[in-house]
Amino acid sequence: MHLTVLRVIGGNVTVVQGGTVILPCKLTDTTEDLNQISWQRDTRRKPQTDNFYTIQKDDAPHFVNGEDNRFKFIGSIKDKNGSLQLSNVTLLDEGIYRCIFTLFPSGNHKTEMHLNVLGMMTYTLSRTTQTQVGSLERAFYFLYILAVNVITPSRRESCIHK
């Protein structure tokens, strides 16, 4: 007797804020009929489970609970590939995403992935500061501002006294 176990393959992904990312989702090792692919998320923007995208066998992909055109279906029902592309990623998109394949006759099979979003910090120096501070000094000034803003007051005290 030969037993084949179907698998739903995904994976955690990381993207820089403002970038584009692929949320991978592929079903393997099955000959069952695929009826639907659904996506859910628990993110900073929507901390409760949110059903947000559905791809049906004989229908075009569509949004559930409001449209978000930053998402694009790049997979294929025929190939049992449910991957999505997310553009212009924000910090609020970070969280858990679930891809769910609905098969006949066995039912639902899913995978979970975590989307990590790396934020970007920008600092602007005034024109007066730029003319008064040379390029090397500007770099040290930037590091000083960064350290002052990142190190908590209690840690700052212990760093100064050592």
N, C-alpha and C. Protein backbone atom coordinates (compact mmCIF):
# COMPACT_ATOMS: atom_id res chain seq x y z
N MET A 1 0.84 -1.18 0.00
CA MET A 1 0.00 0.00 0.00
C MET A 1 0.88 1.24 0.00
N HIS A 2 0.60 2.19 -0.89
CA HIS A 2 1.36 3.42 -1.01
C HIS A 2 0.48 4.59 -0.59
N LEU A 3 0.93 5.35 0.40
CA LEU A 3 0.15 6.46 0.91
C LEU A 3 0.84 7.77 0.55
N THR A 4 0.13 8.67 -0.11
CA THR A 4 0.67 9.99 -0.45
C THR A 4 -0.05 11.01 0.41
N VAL A 5 0.73 11.84 1.07
CA VAL A 5 0.17 12.87 1.94
C VAL A 5 0.26 14.22 1.23
N LEU A 6 -0.86 14.89 1.07
CA LEU A 6 -0.83 16.19 0.43
C LEU A 6 -0.21 17.21 1.36
N ARG A 7 0.39 18.24 0.77
CA ARG A 7 1.04 19.28 1.56
C ARG A 7 0.65 20.65 1.02
N VAL A 8 0.51 21.59 1.93
CA VAL A 8 0.33 22.98 1.55
C VAL A 8 1.63 23.68 1.97
N ILE A 9 2.32 24.23 0.98
CA ILE A 9 3.64 24.82 1.22
C ILE A 9 3.54 26.34 1.19
N GLY A 10 4.07 26.98 2.20
CA GLY A 10 4.13 28.44 2.28
C GLY A 10 5.49 28.82 2.79
N GLY A 11 5.57 29.83 3.61
CA GLY A 11 6.85 30.22 4.21
C GLY A 11 6.81 31.65 4.70
N ASN A 12 7.53 31.91 5.77
CA ASN A 12 7.61 33.26 6.32
C ASN A 12 8.37 34.16 5.35
N VAL A 13 7.96 35.42 5.27
CA VAL A 13 8.60 36.36 4.36
C VAL A 13 8.85 37.68 5.07
N THR A 14 9.90 38.38 4.61
CA THR A 14 10.27 39.68 5.16
C THR A 14 10.39 40.67 4.01
N VAL A 15 9.92 41.88 4.24
CA VAL A 15 9.95 42.93 3.22
C VAL A 15 10.22 44.26 3.89
N VAL A 16 10.83 45.18 3.15
CA VAL A 16 11.04 46.53 3.63
C VAL A 16 9.77 47.34 3.37
N GLN A 17 9.41 48.16 4.31
CA GLN A 17 8.23 49.03 4.19
C GLN A 17 8.26 49.75 2.84
N GLY A 18 7.12 49.74 2.13
CA GLY A 18 7.03 50.37 0.82
C GLY A 18 7.34 49.43 -0.33
N GLY A 19 7.88 48.24 -0.01
CA GLY A 19 8.26 47.28 -1.04
C GLY A 19 7.13 46.38 -1.48
N THR A 20 7.49 45.38 -2.30
CA THR A 20 6.55 44.39 -2.82
C THR A 20 7.02 43.02 -2.37
N VAL A 21 6.07 42.15 -2.00
CA VAL A 21 6.41 40.83 -1.48
C VAL A 21 5.46 39.79 -2.07
N ILE A 22 5.95 38.56 -2.18
CA ILE A 22 5.13 37.43 -2.60
C ILE A 22 4.77 36.63 -1.35
N LEU A 23 3.49 36.36 -1.16
CA LEU A 23 3.03 35.45 -0.11
C LEU A 23 2.85 34.09 -0.79
N PRO A 24 3.81 33.18 -0.59
CA PRO A 24 3.79 31.91 -1.34
C PRO A 24 2.81 30.90 -0.75
N CYS A 25 2.12 30.18 -1.64
CA CYS A 25 1.18 29.16 -1.20
C CYS A 25 0.94 28.17 -2.33
N LYS A 26 1.33 26.92 -2.11
CA LYS A 26 1.22 25.90 -3.15
C LYS A 26 0.77 24.60 -2.53
N LEU A 27 -0.15 23.93 -3.21
CA LEU A 27 -0.65 22.62 -2.79
C LEU A 27 0.03 21.55 -3.63
N THR A 28 0.55 20.51 -2.98
CA THR A 28 1.24 19.44 -3.72
C THR A 28 0.70 18.07 -3.32
N ASP A 29 1.04 17.11 -4.14
CA ASP A 29 0.78 15.69 -3.85
C ASP A 29 -0.70 15.35 -3.66
N THR A 30 -1.55 15.87 -4.55
CA THR A 30 -2.96 15.50 -4.51
C THR A 30 -3.55 15.51 -5.92
N THR A 31 -4.52 14.65 -6.12
CA THR A 31 -5.25 14.64 -7.38
C THR A 31 -6.71 15.04 -7.15
N GLU A 32 -7.03 15.44 -5.93
CA GLU A 32 -8.40 15.86 -5.61
C GLU A 32 -8.75 17.15 -6.35
N ASP A 33 -10.04 17.38 -6.51
CA ASP A 33 -10.52 18.60 -7.17
C ASP A 33 -10.37 19.79 -6.23
N LEU A 34 -9.78 20.86 -6.75
CA LEU A 34 -9.65 22.11 -6.01
C LEU A 34 -10.84 23.00 -6.34
N ASN A 35 -11.63 23.35 -5.33
CA ASN A 35 -12.81 24.19 -5.54
C ASN A 35 -12.55 25.67 -5.26
N GLN A 36 -11.69 25.95 -4.27
CA GLN A 36 -11.50 27.34 -3.86
C GLN A 36 -10.18 27.51 -3.11
N ILE A 37 -9.60 28.70 -3.23
CA ILE A 37 -8.45 29.11 -2.42
C ILE A 37 -8.91 30.36 -1.66
N SER A 38 -8.72 30.35 -0.36
CA SER A 38 -9.12 31.50 0.48
C SER A 38 -7.90 32.01 1.23
N TRP A 39 -7.91 33.31 1.51
CA TRP A 39 -6.84 33.93 2.30
C TRP A 39 -7.46 34.61 3.52
N GLN A 40 -6.78 34.43 4.66
CA GLN A 40 -7.14 35.11 5.91
C GLN A 40 -5.90 35.83 6.43
N ARG A 41 -6.12 36.80 7.30
CA ARG A 41 -4.99 37.52 7.91
C ARG A 41 -5.35 37.98 9.31
N ASP A 42 -4.31 38.05 10.14
CA ASP A 42 -4.36 38.69 11.46
C ASP A 42 -3.17 39.65 11.46
N THR A 43 -3.43 40.95 11.29
CA THR A 43 -2.35 41.91 11.12
C THR A 43 -2.47 43.03 12.15
N ARG A 44 -1.49 43.92 12.12
CA ARG A 44 -1.56 45.08 13.00
C ARG A 44 -2.79 45.93 12.67
N ARG A 45 -3.13 46.00 11.39
CA ARG A 45 -4.30 46.79 10.96
C ARG A 45 -5.59 46.11 11.39
N LYS A 46 -5.65 44.79 11.24
CA LYS A 46 -6.86 44.02 11.58
C LYS A 46 -6.44 42.86 12.47
N PRO A 47 -6.38 43.08 13.79
CA PRO A 47 -5.88 42.05 14.70
C PRO A 47 -6.80 40.84 14.86
N GLN A 48 -8.05 40.95 14.44
CA GLN A 48 -8.97 39.81 14.46
C GLN A 48 -8.87 39.11 13.11
N THR A 49 -9.11 37.80 13.08
CA THR A 49 -9.04 37.06 11.82
C THR A 49 -9.96 37.70 10.79
N ASP A 50 -9.38 37.99 9.62
CA ASP A 50 -10.08 38.69 8.55
C ASP A 50 -10.00 37.85 7.28
N ASN A 51 -11.14 37.37 6.79
CA ASN A 51 -11.18 36.72 5.48
C ASN A 51 -11.14 37.85 4.46
N PHE A 52 -10.10 37.87 3.60
CA PHE A 52 -9.99 39.04 2.73
C PHE A 52 -9.89 38.75 1.24
N TYR A 53 -9.66 37.50 0.83
CA TYR A 53 -9.49 37.23 -0.60
C TYR A 53 -9.91 35.80 -0.91
N THR A 54 -10.62 35.61 -2.02
CA THR A 54 -11.08 34.28 -2.42
C THR A 54 -10.88 34.10 -3.92
N ILE A 55 -10.38 32.92 -4.28
CA ILE A 55 -10.22 32.55 -5.68
C ILE A 55 -11.02 31.27 -5.86
N GLN A 56 -12.08 31.32 -6.69
CA GLN A 56 -12.91 30.14 -6.91
C GLN A 56 -12.56 29.48 -8.23
N LYS A 57 -12.85 28.20 -8.30
CA LYS A 57 -12.49 27.37 -9.45
C LYS A 57 -12.94 27.97 -10.79
N ASP A 58 -14.18 28.38 -10.88
CA ASP A 58 -14.73 28.86 -12.15
C ASP A 58 -15.08 30.33 -12.12
N ASP A 59 -14.38 31.11 -11.30
CA ASP A 59 -14.72 32.53 -11.15
C ASP A 59 -13.43 33.34 -10.98
N ALA A 60 -13.52 34.62 -11.22
CA ALA A 60 -12.37 35.50 -11.03
C ALA A 60 -12.10 35.70 -9.54
N PRO A 61 -10.85 35.97 -9.18
CA PRO A 61 -10.54 36.27 -7.77
C PRO A 61 -11.32 37.50 -7.31
N HIS A 62 -11.71 37.51 -6.04
CA HIS A 62 -12.40 38.69 -5.53
C HIS A 62 -12.09 38.92 -4.05
N PHE A 63 -12.23 40.18 -3.66
CA PHE A 63 -11.99 40.58 -2.28
C PHE A 63 -13.23 40.31 -1.44
N VAL A 64 -12.99 39.99 -0.18
CA VAL A 64 -14.05 39.81 0.79
C VAL A 64 -13.83 40.88 1.87
N ASN A 65 -14.88 41.48 2.37
CA ASN A 65 -14.77 42.50 3.44
C ASN A 65 -13.99 43.74 3.01
N GLY A 66 -14.14 44.16 1.79
CA GLY A 66 -13.49 45.39 1.33
C GLY A 66 -12.32 45.14 0.40
N GLU A 67 -12.21 45.99 -0.59
CA GLU A 67 -11.18 45.85 -1.62
C GLU A 67 -9.86 46.45 -1.18
N ASP A 68 -8.76 45.79 -1.53
CA ASP A 68 -7.41 46.29 -1.30
C ASP A 68 -6.59 45.92 -2.53
N ASN A 69 -6.53 46.83 -3.48
CA ASN A 69 -5.90 46.54 -4.77
C ASN A 69 -4.39 46.40 -4.73
N ARG A 70 -3.80 46.48 -3.53
CA ARG A 70 -2.37 46.20 -3.41
C ARG A 70 -2.11 44.70 -3.53
N PHE A 71 -3.17 43.87 -3.33
CA PHE A 71 -3.06 42.42 -3.46
C PHE A 71 -3.39 42.01 -4.88
N LYS A 72 -2.59 41.08 -5.41
CA LYS A 72 -2.82 40.56 -6.76
C LYS A 72 -2.58 39.05 -6.74
N PHE A 73 -3.53 38.30 -7.29
CA PHE A 73 -3.38 36.84 -7.40
C PHE A 73 -2.40 36.54 -8.53
N ILE A 74 -1.29 35.89 -8.19
CA ILE A 74 -0.26 35.57 -9.19
C ILE A 74 -0.12 34.05 -9.37
N GLY A 75 -0.97 33.30 -8.69
CA GLY A 75 -0.93 31.84 -8.79
C GLY A 75 -1.78 31.33 -9.92
N SER A 76 -2.20 30.08 -9.80
CA SER A 76 -3.01 29.42 -10.82
C SER A 76 -3.82 28.31 -10.17
N ILE A 77 -5.15 28.37 -10.34
CA ILE A 77 -6.01 27.31 -9.82
C ILE A 77 -5.59 25.98 -10.43
N LYS A 78 -5.34 25.97 -11.72
CA LYS A 78 -4.97 24.75 -12.44
C LYS A 78 -3.72 24.10 -11.83
N ASP A 79 -2.75 24.93 -11.45
CA ASP A 79 -1.49 24.42 -10.88
C ASP A 79 -1.54 24.31 -9.35
N LYS A 80 -2.71 24.58 -8.78
CA LYS A 80 -2.89 24.55 -7.32
C LYS A 80 -1.89 25.47 -6.61
N ASN A 81 -1.75 26.65 -7.20
CA ASN A 81 -0.84 27.67 -6.66
C ASN A 81 -1.69 28.87 -6.24
N GLY A 82 -1.71 29.16 -4.95
CA GLY A 82 -2.54 30.25 -4.43
C GLY A 82 -1.77 31.50 -4.07
N SER A 83 -0.55 31.67 -4.58
CA SER A 83 0.32 32.78 -4.19
C SER A 83 -0.28 34.15 -4.52
N LEU A 84 -0.04 35.10 -3.60
CA LEU A 84 -0.47 36.49 -3.77
C LEU A 84 0.75 37.39 -3.78
N GLN A 85 0.62 38.50 -4.49
CA GLN A 85 1.63 39.56 -4.45
C GLN A 85 1.01 40.74 -3.72
N LEU A 86 1.77 41.32 -2.78
CA LEU A 86 1.33 42.50 -2.03
C LEU A 86 2.30 43.64 -2.32
N SER A 87 1.78 44.75 -2.84
CA SER A 87 2.60 45.91 -3.18
C SER A 87 2.42 47.01 -2.14
N ASN A 88 3.40 47.92 -2.11
CA ASN A 88 3.35 49.09 -1.23
C ASN A 88 3.04 48.68 0.21
N VAL A 89 3.83 47.74 0.73
CA VAL A 89 3.63 47.17 2.06
C VAL A 89 3.83 48.24 3.14
N THR A 90 2.95 48.24 4.14
CA THR A 90 3.07 49.16 5.27
C THR A 90 3.34 48.36 6.55
N LEU A 91 3.71 49.06 7.60
CA LEU A 91 3.94 48.40 8.89
C LEU A 91 2.67 47.72 9.40
N LEU A 92 1.51 48.27 9.04
CA LEU A 92 0.24 47.70 9.49
C LEU A 92 -0.10 46.38 8.80
N ASP A 93 0.62 46.03 7.71
CA ASP A 93 0.40 44.76 7.02
C ASP A 93 1.10 43.59 7.73
N GLU A 94 2.00 43.89 8.65
CA GLU A 94 2.73 42.83 9.34
C GLU A 94 1.77 41.94 10.14
N GLY A 95 2.01 40.63 10.08
CA GLY A 95 1.17 39.70 10.83
C GLY A 95 1.17 38.32 10.24
N ILE A 96 0.14 37.56 10.59
CA ILE A 96 -0.03 36.17 10.15
C ILE A 96 -0.99 36.13 8.97
N TYR A 97 -0.60 35.42 7.92
CA TYR A 97 -1.45 35.20 6.75
C TYR A 97 -1.69 33.70 6.60
N ARG A 98 -2.93 33.33 6.26
CA ARG A 98 -3.30 31.92 6.06
C ARG A 98 -3.83 31.72 4.66
N CYS A 99 -3.32 30.69 4.00
CA CYS A 99 -3.79 30.28 2.69
C CYS A 99 -4.52 28.95 2.88
N ILE A 100 -5.78 28.88 2.42
CA ILE A 100 -6.62 27.70 2.66
C ILE A 100 -7.12 27.15 1.32
N PHE A 101 -6.80 25.90 1.05
CA PHE A 101 -7.29 25.22 -0.15
C PHE A 101 -8.50 24.39 0.23
N THR A 102 -9.60 24.53 -0.50
CA THR A 102 -10.80 23.72 -0.28
C THR A 102 -10.85 22.66 -1.37
N LEU A 103 -10.72 21.39 -0.96
CA LEU A 103 -10.67 20.26 -1.90
C LEU A 103 -11.91 19.40 -1.75
N PHE A 104 -12.23 18.69 -2.81
CA PHE A 104 -13.29 17.68 -2.74
C PHE A 104 -12.65 16.33 -3.00
N PRO A 105 -12.82 15.38 -2.10
CA PRO A 105 -13.78 15.33 -0.99
C PRO A 105 -13.17 15.63 0.38
N SER A 106 -11.87 15.86 0.49
CA SER A 106 -11.25 15.89 1.82
C SER A 106 -11.47 17.17 2.63
N GLY A 107 -11.86 18.29 2.00
CA GLY A 107 -12.13 19.51 2.77
C GLY A 107 -10.99 20.52 2.72
N ASN A 108 -10.80 21.25 3.83
CA ASN A 108 -9.84 22.36 3.88
C ASN A 108 -8.45 21.89 4.31
N HIS A 109 -7.44 22.50 3.66
CA HIS A 109 -6.03 22.27 3.99
C HIS A 109 -5.35 23.63 3.91
N LYS A 110 -4.55 23.96 4.94
CA LYS A 110 -4.02 25.32 5.00
C LYS A 110 -2.57 25.37 5.44
N THR A 111 -1.97 26.53 5.22
CA THR A 111 -0.66 26.85 5.75
C THR A 111 -0.70 28.27 6.30
N GLU A 112 0.19 28.55 7.23
CA GLU A 112 0.28 29.85 7.86
C GLU A 112 1.66 30.42 7.61
N MET A 113 1.73 31.72 7.40
CA MET A 113 3.03 32.36 7.23
C MET A 113 3.02 33.70 7.96
N HIS A 114 4.20 34.11 8.39
CA HIS A 114 4.32 35.40 9.07
C HIS A 114 4.97 36.38 8.10
N LEU A 115 4.34 37.54 7.93
CA LEU A 115 4.91 38.62 7.14
C LEU A 115 5.58 39.59 8.10
N ASN A 116 6.90 39.72 7.97
CA ASN A 116 7.68 40.67 8.76
C ASN A 116 7.94 41.90 7.90
N VAL A 117 7.68 43.09 8.44
CA VAL A 117 7.90 44.33 7.71
C VAL A 117 8.97 45.13 8.43
N LEU A 118 10.03 45.46 7.71
CA LEU A 118 11.12 46.26 8.26
C LEU A 118 10.82 47.73 8.00
N GLY A 119 10.73 48.52 9.06
CA GLY A 119 10.45 49.94 8.92
C GLY A 119 11.70 50.71 8.55
N MET A 120 11.49 51.87 7.97
CA MET A 120 12.60 52.74 7.60
C MET A 120 12.51 54.02 8.41
N MET A 121 13.66 54.47 8.93
CA MET A 121 13.68 55.74 9.66
C MET A 121 14.42 56.76 8.82
N THR A 122 13.89 57.95 8.74
CA THR A 122 14.57 59.01 8.02
C THR A 122 14.72 60.21 8.94
N TYR A 123 15.85 60.90 8.80
CA TYR A 123 16.11 62.11 9.56
C TYR A 123 16.42 63.23 8.59
N THR A 124 15.91 64.40 8.87
CA THR A 124 16.19 65.56 8.04
C THR A 124 16.91 66.60 8.89
N LEU A 125 18.08 67.02 8.41
CA LEU A 125 18.82 68.07 9.09
C LEU A 125 18.42 69.40 8.48
N SER A 126 18.34 70.43 9.31
CA SER A 126 18.00 71.75 8.78
C SER A 126 19.12 72.26 7.90
N ARG A 127 18.83 73.21 7.01
CA ARG A 127 19.84 73.76 6.10
C ARG A 127 20.98 74.38 6.90
N THR A 128 20.67 75.07 8.02
CA THR A 128 21.70 75.68 8.86
C THR A 128 22.62 74.61 9.42
N THR A 129 22.05 73.52 9.92
CA THR A 129 22.86 72.44 10.49
C THR A 129 23.75 71.82 9.42
N GLN A 130 23.22 71.66 8.20
CA GLN A 130 24.00 71.06 7.13
C GLN A 130 25.22 71.90 6.78
N THR A 131 25.09 73.23 6.79
CA THR A 131 26.22 74.08 6.44
C THR A 131 27.23 74.16 7.58
N GLN A 132 26.79 74.00 8.81
CA GLN A 132 27.69 74.10 9.96
C GLN A 132 28.43 72.80 10.23
N VAL A 133 27.89 71.68 9.81
CA VAL A 133 28.45 70.39 10.16
C VAL A 133 28.97 69.73 8.89
N GLY A 134 30.25 69.32 8.89
CA GLY A 134 30.84 68.63 7.73
C GLY A 134 30.30 67.22 7.60
N SER A 135 30.66 66.52 6.52
CA SER A 135 30.09 65.19 6.26
C SER A 135 30.43 64.18 7.35
N LEU A 136 31.67 64.17 7.87
CA LEU A 136 32.03 63.22 8.93
C LEU A 136 31.28 63.56 10.22
N GLU A 137 31.26 64.86 10.54
CA GLU A 137 30.56 65.28 11.74
C GLU A 137 29.07 64.96 11.62
N ARG A 138 28.51 65.10 10.42
CA ARG A 138 27.09 64.80 10.20
C ARG A 138 26.79 63.33 10.52
N ALA A 139 27.71 62.45 10.15
CA ALA A 139 27.52 61.03 10.44
C ALA A 139 27.50 60.79 11.94
N PHE A 140 28.44 61.40 12.67
CA PHE A 140 28.47 61.24 14.13
C PHE A 140 27.23 61.86 14.77
N TYR A 141 26.79 62.99 14.25
CA TYR A 141 25.58 63.64 14.76
C TYR A 141 24.38 62.71 14.59
N PHE A 142 24.26 62.08 13.43
CA PHE A 142 23.18 61.16 13.16
C PHE A 142 23.20 60.00 14.16
N LEU A 143 24.40 59.42 14.40
CA LEU A 143 24.52 58.30 15.34
C LEU A 143 24.16 58.75 16.76
N TYR A 144 24.57 59.96 17.12
CA TYR A 144 24.24 60.49 18.44
C TYR A 144 22.71 60.62 18.60
N ILE A 145 22.04 61.23 17.62
CA ILE A 145 20.58 61.39 17.67
C ILE A 145 19.91 60.03 17.75
N LEU A 146 20.39 59.09 16.95
CA LEU A 146 19.82 57.75 16.95
C LEU A 146 19.97 57.10 18.33
N ALA A 147 21.16 57.21 18.93
CA ALA A 147 21.40 56.62 20.24
C ALA A 147 20.54 57.27 21.31
N VAL A 148 20.42 58.58 21.28
CA VAL A 148 19.61 59.29 22.27
C VAL A 148 18.15 58.86 22.17
N ASN A 149 17.66 58.64 20.94
CA ASN A 149 16.25 58.27 20.76
C ASN A 149 15.98 56.80 20.98
N VAL A 150 16.98 55.94 20.85
CA VAL A 150 16.78 54.50 20.98
C VAL A 150 17.03 54.02 22.40
N ILE A 151 18.08 54.55 23.05
CA ILE A 151 18.42 54.10 24.40
C ILE A 151 17.46 54.75 25.39
N THR A 152 16.83 53.94 26.22
CA THR A 152 15.88 54.46 27.20
C THR A 152 16.61 55.29 28.24
N PRO A 153 15.92 56.21 28.93
CA PRO A 153 16.58 57.06 29.92
C PRO A 153 17.37 56.27 30.97
N SER A 154 16.84 55.17 31.47
CA SER A 154 17.55 54.40 32.49
C SER A 154 18.82 53.78 31.92
N ARG A 155 18.77 53.28 30.69
CA ARG A 155 19.97 52.71 30.04
C ARG A 155 20.96 53.81 29.72
N ARG A 156 20.47 55.02 29.34
CA ARG A 156 21.34 56.14 29.00
C ARG A 156 22.16 56.52 30.22
N GLU A 157 21.52 56.55 31.41
CA GLU A 157 22.21 56.89 32.65
C GLU A 157 23.34 55.91 32.92
N SER A 158 23.07 54.60 32.76
CA SER A 158 24.10 53.61 33.06
C SER A 158 25.23 53.66 32.05
N CYS A 159 24.97 54.05 30.80
CA CYS A 159 26.01 54.17 29.77
C CYS A 159 26.90 55.35 30.06
N ILE A 160 26.34 56.45 30.57
CA ILE A 160 27.10 57.67 30.81
C ILE A 160 28.02 57.48 32.01
N HIS A 161 27.60 56.78 33.04
CA HIS A 161 28.38 56.66 34.27
C HIS A 161 29.44 55.59 34.21
N LYS A 162 29.51 54.82 33.18
CA LYS A 162 30.52 53.74 33.10
C LYS A 162 31.79 54.22 32.48
